[in-house]
Amino acid sequence: MQLPVQSQSALYAEPWEAGAGPAELLAVARAAERHGFAYVACCEHVAIPRRLASAMSTVWYDPVATLAYLAAATERVCLLSHVAVVGLRHPLATAKQYATLDHLSGGRLILGVGAGHVEEEFAALGADFDGRGGVLDETIDALKAALGEEEFPVWEGERFSFRDLGQRPRPAQTPRVPVWVGGSSRAAVRRAAVRGDGWLPQGDPREALPAQIARLRALRAQAGVEEPPVIGAIAEPLYVGEPGWHVGRRTLSGKPERIAESLRAYAAMGVQQIQVRFRSRSVSELTDQMAAFGDEVAPLL
């Protein structure tokens, strides 16, 4: 699941998150670990322009700092950047941050990457907004080299090149940190198919997923990539049980079996991991929902 509090877009943040902070983040991460969740995720924006602030808010925690903070308070749950806008900086700088995070967490990092969409953010950092797709393609390839086992990784590309530059500590994972590609545009699906270890769709309704998954698999086969990708999906908002308050018409609620039956349809499409979000009015209601899901719904999946 994506963590609350760390990003507070008006599209999904609950009212209680505005007054929350580190204590609530810790409570949710610990609940995720306690109830068997696969990962907790944190998204990246460096700075939000004033024109977008009312919709997106300016609350976007740094993913490396946040996930490292939570790594020290957990032992098993994986740590996902969903997503890191890695085209904003040189891949060696990104590799240094995320290799250290993987090392400190004992090999629990999943590096989720995406192209980004805020032009002013790129301009402020001197990054190429118009060419961000090509930059991301090369950055992924360079990161796959830099996040492997070699102390002195080598990459020669159109935009970046490095050799004879050592970085330690190395990631704990071998042969390297997994890279999942986020996004549902045609370019993002192709990028995930050709370059990614996994795909993190963004905003696809259920009915669109089978065609997207089929295209991804076809593109991967054409590219000669034999390793199957980890295919994800973001489920509808959930509420386990009868809410007793208005949770929105799109929210899937009710008994555990009803929710599990609905979510099992994702597996039938070829999805291997589902990112879930729960409606809640407080952090305690959220962690109660996580407990109910982990203990009563997950075993039925």
Protein backbone atom coordinates (compact mmCIF):
# COMPACT_ATOMS: atom_id res chain seq x y z
CA MET A 1 0.00 0.00 0.00
CA GLN A 2 0.93 3.63 -0.53
CA LEU A 3 1.56 5.27 2.82
CA PRO A 4 -0.78 8.00 4.02
CA VAL A 5 0.54 11.39 5.19
CA GLN A 6 3.66 11.35 2.95
CA SER A 7 1.74 12.73 -0.06
CA GLN A 8 -1.47 14.68 0.31
CA SER A 9 -2.99 15.24 -3.11
CA ALA A 10 -6.64 16.26 -2.97
CA LEU A 11 -7.37 13.22 -5.17
CA TYR A 12 -6.87 10.75 -2.34
CA ALA A 13 -5.73 12.21 1.00
CA GLU A 14 -8.11 11.81 3.94
CA PRO A 15 -8.84 14.92 6.08
CA TRP A 16 -7.07 13.51 9.16
CA GLU A 17 -3.75 13.31 7.28
CA ALA A 18 -3.34 17.10 7.28
CA GLY A 19 -2.52 17.06 10.99
CA ALA A 20 -0.50 13.85 10.97
CA GLY A 21 3.25 13.24 10.84
CA PRO A 22 6.02 10.80 11.76
CA ALA A 23 4.08 9.02 14.52
CA GLU A 24 1.25 8.13 12.17
CA LEU A 25 3.64 7.02 9.43
CA LEU A 26 5.36 4.71 11.91
CA ALA A 27 2.05 3.30 13.10
CA VAL A 28 0.98 2.47 9.55
CA ALA A 29 4.34 0.95 8.56
CA ARG A 30 4.37 -1.22 11.68
CA ALA A 31 0.77 -2.29 11.04
CA ALA A 32 1.73 -3.22 7.46
CA GLU A 33 4.51 -5.43 8.77
CA ARG A 34 2.35 -6.94 11.51
CA HIS A 35 -0.48 -7.88 9.15
CA GLY A 36 1.56 -9.30 6.27
CA PHE A 37 1.55 -6.51 3.70
CA ALA A 38 4.19 -6.91 0.99
CA TYR A 39 5.38 -3.30 0.83
CA VAL A 40 4.81 0.28 1.90
CA ALA A 41 5.32 2.98 -0.73
CA CYS A 42 6.30 6.64 -0.88
CA CYS A 43 6.06 8.99 -3.87
CA GLU A 44 8.38 11.80 -5.02
CA HIS A 45 7.93 15.44 -5.87
CA VAL A 46 10.70 17.89 -5.10
CA ALA A 47 8.66 21.09 -5.32
CA ILE A 48 5.09 21.91 -6.36
CA PRO A 49 4.41 25.10 -8.35
CA ARG A 50 1.85 27.49 -6.92
CA ARG A 51 -0.55 26.83 -9.83
CA LEU A 52 -0.88 23.17 -8.78
CA ALA A 53 -0.62 23.54 -5.01
CA SER A 54 -4.37 23.58 -4.30
CA ALA A 55 -4.90 20.27 -6.10
CA MET A 56 -1.65 18.48 -5.34
CA SER A 57 -0.74 20.17 -2.03
CA THR A 58 2.89 20.83 -1.23
CA VAL A 59 3.16 17.88 1.19
CA TRP A 60 5.42 15.36 -0.50
CA TYR A 61 7.90 13.63 1.80
CA ASP A 62 11.25 12.67 0.32
CA PRO A 63 11.08 8.93 -0.46
CA VAL A 64 14.66 8.04 0.47
CA ALA A 65 14.52 9.83 3.83
CA THR A 66 11.04 8.50 4.61
CA LEU A 67 11.70 4.89 3.65
CA ALA A 68 15.03 4.89 5.49
CA TYR A 69 13.27 6.21 8.60
CA LEU A 70 10.70 3.42 8.37
CA ALA A 71 13.33 0.79 7.60
CA ALA A 72 14.77 1.27 11.07
CA ALA A 73 11.37 0.58 12.63
CA THR A 74 10.54 -2.54 10.59
CA GLU A 75 12.23 -5.80 9.65
CA ARG A 76 10.37 -7.54 6.83
CA VAL A 77 8.05 -5.25 4.86
CA CYS A 78 9.51 -4.08 1.54
CA LEU A 79 10.11 -0.40 0.78
CA LEU A 80 8.88 0.90 -2.59
CA SER A 81 9.39 4.26 -4.24
CA HIS A 82 6.12 4.72 -6.09
CA VAL A 83 7.44 6.50 -7.94
CA ALA A 84 10.85 8.15 -7.89
CA VAL A 85 11.30 10.72 -10.66
CA VAL A 86 14.82 9.57 -11.39
CA GLY A 87 15.24 11.77 -14.47
CA LEU A 88 15.63 14.77 -12.17
CA ARG A 89 19.21 13.86 -11.24
CA HIS A 90 22.28 12.00 -12.42
CA PRO A 91 21.91 8.22 -12.11
CA LEU A 92 25.04 7.91 -9.95
CA ALA A 93 23.51 10.28 -7.39
CA THR A 94 20.30 8.25 -7.40
CA ALA A 95 22.26 5.00 -7.16
CA LYS A 96 24.17 6.27 -4.11
CA GLN A 97 20.92 7.10 -2.28
CA TYR A 98 19.02 3.93 -3.09
CA ALA A 99 21.97 1.55 -2.73
CA THR A 100 22.47 2.93 0.76
CA LEU A 101 18.78 2.49 1.52
CA ASP A 102 18.86 -1.12 0.34
CA HIS A 103 22.00 -1.76 2.38
CA LEU A 104 20.55 -0.22 5.54
CA SER A 105 17.23 -2.07 5.19
CA GLY A 106 18.80 -5.47 4.61
CA GLY A 107 17.71 -5.74 0.97
CA ARG A 108 14.09 -4.57 1.13
CA LEU A 109 14.10 -1.86 -1.54
CA ILE A 110 11.99 -1.93 -4.70
CA LEU A 111 12.93 1.02 -6.90
CA GLY A 112 9.79 2.25 -8.62
CA VAL A 113 10.48 4.88 -11.28
CA GLY A 114 8.40 7.22 -13.42
CA ALA A 115 8.77 10.05 -15.91
CA GLY A 116 7.25 12.88 -13.85
CA HIS A 117 4.77 15.48 -15.07
CA VAL A 118 5.47 18.86 -13.40
CA GLU A 119 7.39 21.07 -15.84
CA GLU A 120 8.41 23.70 -13.30
CA GLU A 121 10.00 21.03 -11.12
CA PHE A 122 12.28 19.97 -13.97
CA ALA A 123 13.10 23.58 -14.86
CA ALA A 124 14.09 24.43 -11.28
CA LEU A 125 16.51 21.49 -11.17
CA GLY A 126 17.91 22.04 -14.66
CA ALA A 127 16.44 18.75 -15.92
CA ASP A 128 15.07 18.05 -19.41
CA PHE A 129 11.27 18.05 -19.26
CA ASP A 130 10.49 17.72 -22.97
CA GLY A 131 12.96 14.87 -23.38
CA ARG A 132 12.15 13.18 -20.08
CA GLY A 133 11.02 9.93 -21.71
CA GLY A 134 14.38 9.35 -23.38
CA VAL A 135 16.20 10.49 -20.24
CA LEU A 136 14.23 8.00 -18.15
CA ASP A 137 14.94 5.15 -20.56
CA GLU A 138 18.68 5.71 -20.32
CA THR A 139 18.54 6.41 -16.59
CA ILE A 140 16.88 3.04 -15.96
CA ASP A 141 19.59 1.26 -17.92
CA ALA A 142 22.31 3.19 -16.09
CA LEU A 143 20.72 2.48 -12.71
CA LYS A 144 20.51 -1.23 -13.45
CA ALA A 145 24.28 -1.12 -13.94
CA ALA A 146 24.92 1.09 -10.92
CA LEU A 147 22.68 -0.88 -8.53
CA GLY A 148 24.30 -4.23 -9.23
CA GLU A 149 27.18 -5.95 -7.48
CA GLU A 150 30.09 -4.07 -9.06
CA GLU A 151 31.88 -1.58 -6.82
CA PHE A 152 33.03 0.26 -9.98
CA PRO A 153 30.01 0.06 -12.31
CA VAL A 154 30.35 0.91 -15.99
CA TRP A 155 27.86 2.68 -18.20
CA GLU A 156 28.35 4.34 -21.59
CA GLY A 157 25.27 6.04 -22.96
CA GLU A 158 24.08 9.02 -24.97
CA ARG A 159 23.59 11.27 -21.94
CA PHE A 160 25.53 9.62 -19.11
CA SER A 161 28.75 7.69 -18.79
CA PHE A 162 30.75 6.47 -15.83
CA ARG A 163 33.59 4.08 -15.10
CA ASP A 164 36.37 3.85 -12.52
CA LEU A 165 34.10 5.50 -9.93
CA GLY A 166 33.49 3.28 -6.93
CA GLN A 167 30.41 3.34 -4.73
CA ARG A 168 30.06 1.54 -1.44
CA PRO A 169 28.08 0.33 0.37
CA ARG A 170 26.65 -1.90 -2.33
CA PRO A 171 22.97 -2.90 -2.25
CA ALA A 172 22.20 -5.91 -0.08
CA GLN A 173 20.19 -7.53 -2.88
CA THR A 174 21.87 -9.56 -5.57
CA PRO A 175 22.26 -9.53 -8.48
CA ARG A 176 20.73 -6.03 -8.15
CA VAL A 177 17.83 -3.98 -6.83
CA PRO A 178 14.57 -4.65 -8.76
CA VAL A 179 13.25 -1.77 -10.87
CA TRP A 180 9.50 -1.37 -11.39
CA VAL A 181 8.25 1.12 -13.97
CA GLY A 182 5.20 3.24 -13.19
CA GLY A 183 2.66 4.69 -15.58
CA SER A 184 -0.05 3.63 -18.02
CA SER A 185 0.73 5.63 -21.15
CA ARG A 186 1.84 3.73 -24.24
CA ALA A 187 5.42 4.85 -23.60
CA ALA A 188 5.30 3.76 -19.95
CA VAL A 189 3.94 0.30 -20.81
CA ARG A 190 6.64 -0.14 -23.45
CA ARG A 191 9.28 1.02 -20.96
CA ALA A 192 8.04 -1.47 -18.37
CA ALA A 193 8.00 -4.25 -20.95
CA VAL A 194 11.49 -3.67 -22.28
CA ARG A 195 13.35 -2.32 -19.25
CA GLY A 196 11.41 -3.06 -16.08
CA ASP A 197 11.36 -5.93 -13.63
CA GLY A 198 7.78 -4.95 -12.84
CA TRP A 199 4.96 -2.66 -13.94
CA LEU A 200 3.03 -0.24 -11.72
CA PRO A 201 -0.04 0.94 -13.65
CA GLN A 202 -1.47 4.33 -12.78
CA GLY A 203 -5.17 4.96 -13.00
CA ASP A 204 -6.19 2.07 -15.25
CA PRO A 205 -9.78 0.95 -14.64
CA ARG A 206 -10.26 -2.80 -14.31
CA GLU A 207 -11.67 -3.21 -17.77
CA ALA A 208 -8.56 -1.67 -19.35
CA LEU A 209 -6.03 -3.91 -17.61
CA PRO A 210 -6.30 -7.12 -19.69
CA ALA A 211 -5.45 -5.29 -22.92
CA GLN A 212 -2.61 -3.39 -21.24
CA ILE A 213 -1.17 -6.60 -19.79
CA ALA A 214 -1.42 -8.38 -23.14
CA ARG A 215 0.42 -5.50 -24.85
CA LEU A 216 3.12 -5.47 -22.18
CA ARG A 217 3.72 -9.21 -22.56
CA ALA A 218 3.81 -8.97 -26.35
CA LEU A 219 6.31 -6.11 -26.27
CA ARG A 220 8.46 -7.99 -23.76
CA ALA A 221 8.50 -11.08 -25.96
CA GLN A 222 9.40 -8.99 -29.02
CA ALA A 223 12.30 -7.47 -27.08
CA GLY A 224 13.54 -10.93 -26.14
CA VAL A 225 13.24 -10.36 -22.40
CA GLU A 226 12.68 -13.80 -20.90
CA GLU A 227 12.26 -12.92 -17.21
CA PRO A 228 8.51 -12.43 -16.53
CA PRO A 229 7.58 -9.03 -15.08
CA VAL A 230 5.81 -8.47 -11.76
CA ILE A 231 2.48 -7.02 -12.88
CA GLY A 232 0.62 -4.78 -10.47
CA ALA A 233 -2.71 -3.02 -10.17
CA ILE A 234 -4.18 -0.33 -7.94
CA ALA A 235 -7.47 -1.56 -6.53
CA GLU A 236 -10.55 0.51 -5.82
CA PRO A 237 -10.69 2.13 -2.36
CA LEU A 238 -11.60 -0.49 0.25
CA TYR A 239 -13.47 -0.69 3.53
CA VAL A 240 -13.67 -4.03 5.30
CA GLY A 241 -17.10 -4.40 6.92
CA GLU A 242 -20.06 -2.04 6.88
CA PRO A 243 -18.69 1.51 7.14
CA GLY A 244 -21.59 3.35 8.75
CA TRP A 245 -20.41 6.54 7.04
CA HIS A 246 -20.21 7.71 3.43
CA VAL A 247 -17.09 6.12 1.93
CA GLY A 248 -17.85 7.02 -1.69
CA ARG A 249 -19.66 5.09 -4.39
CA ARG A 250 -16.47 3.58 -5.86
CA THR A 251 -15.36 2.09 -2.55
CA LEU A 252 -15.53 -1.68 -2.32
CA SER A 253 -16.92 -2.53 1.12
CA GLY A 254 -18.66 -5.35 2.97
CA LYS A 255 -17.77 -8.78 4.27
CA PRO A 256 -14.27 -10.18 3.72
CA GLU A 257 -15.47 -12.81 1.22
CA ARG A 258 -17.20 -10.17 -0.92
CA ILE A 259 -14.04 -8.06 -1.06
CA ALA A 260 -11.82 -11.08 -1.71
CA GLU A 261 -14.05 -12.30 -4.51
CA SER A 262 -13.82 -8.93 -6.21
CA LEU A 263 -10.04 -8.71 -5.82
CA ARG A 264 -9.48 -12.26 -7.09
CA ALA A 265 -10.60 -11.00 -10.49
CA TYR A 266 -7.28 -9.16 -10.72
CA ALA A 267 -5.37 -12.43 -10.42
CA ALA A 268 -7.45 -13.85 -13.27
CA MET A 269 -6.16 -11.00 -15.45
CA GLY A 270 -2.54 -11.89 -14.68
CA VAL A 271 -1.93 -9.41 -11.86
CA GLN A 272 0.53 -10.57 -9.17
CA GLN A 273 0.39 -7.71 -6.69
CA ILE A 274 -2.43 -5.36 -5.75
CA GLN A 275 -1.86 -1.97 -4.18
CA VAL A 276 -4.70 -1.23 -1.78
CA ARG A 277 -6.02 1.93 -0.13
CA PHE A 278 -8.51 2.09 2.73
CA ARG A 279 -11.00 4.82 3.49
CA SER A 280 -10.53 6.07 7.05
CA ARG A 281 -11.29 8.94 9.42
CA SER A 282 -8.24 8.51 11.67
CA VAL A 283 -4.98 6.62 11.81
CA SER A 284 -6.53 4.16 14.26
CA GLU A 285 -9.38 3.42 11.85
CA LEU A 286 -6.81 2.94 9.07
CA THR A 287 -4.71 0.48 11.08
CA ASP A 288 -7.90 -1.35 12.12
CA GLN A 289 -8.79 -1.65 8.45
CA MET A 290 -5.33 -2.96 7.66
CA ALA A 291 -5.68 -5.55 10.42
CA ALA A 292 -9.07 -6.66 9.12
CA PHE A 293 -7.74 -6.93 5.58
CA GLY A 294 -4.57 -8.78 6.54
CA ASP A 295 -6.30 -11.17 8.91
CA GLU A 296 -9.64 -11.76 7.16
CA VAL A 297 -9.37 -10.82 3.47
CA ALA A 298 -5.80 -11.71 2.49
CA PRO A 299 -6.13 -15.42 3.42
CA LEU A 300 -9.02 -15.64 0.93
CA LEU A 301 -6.86 -14.39 -1.92
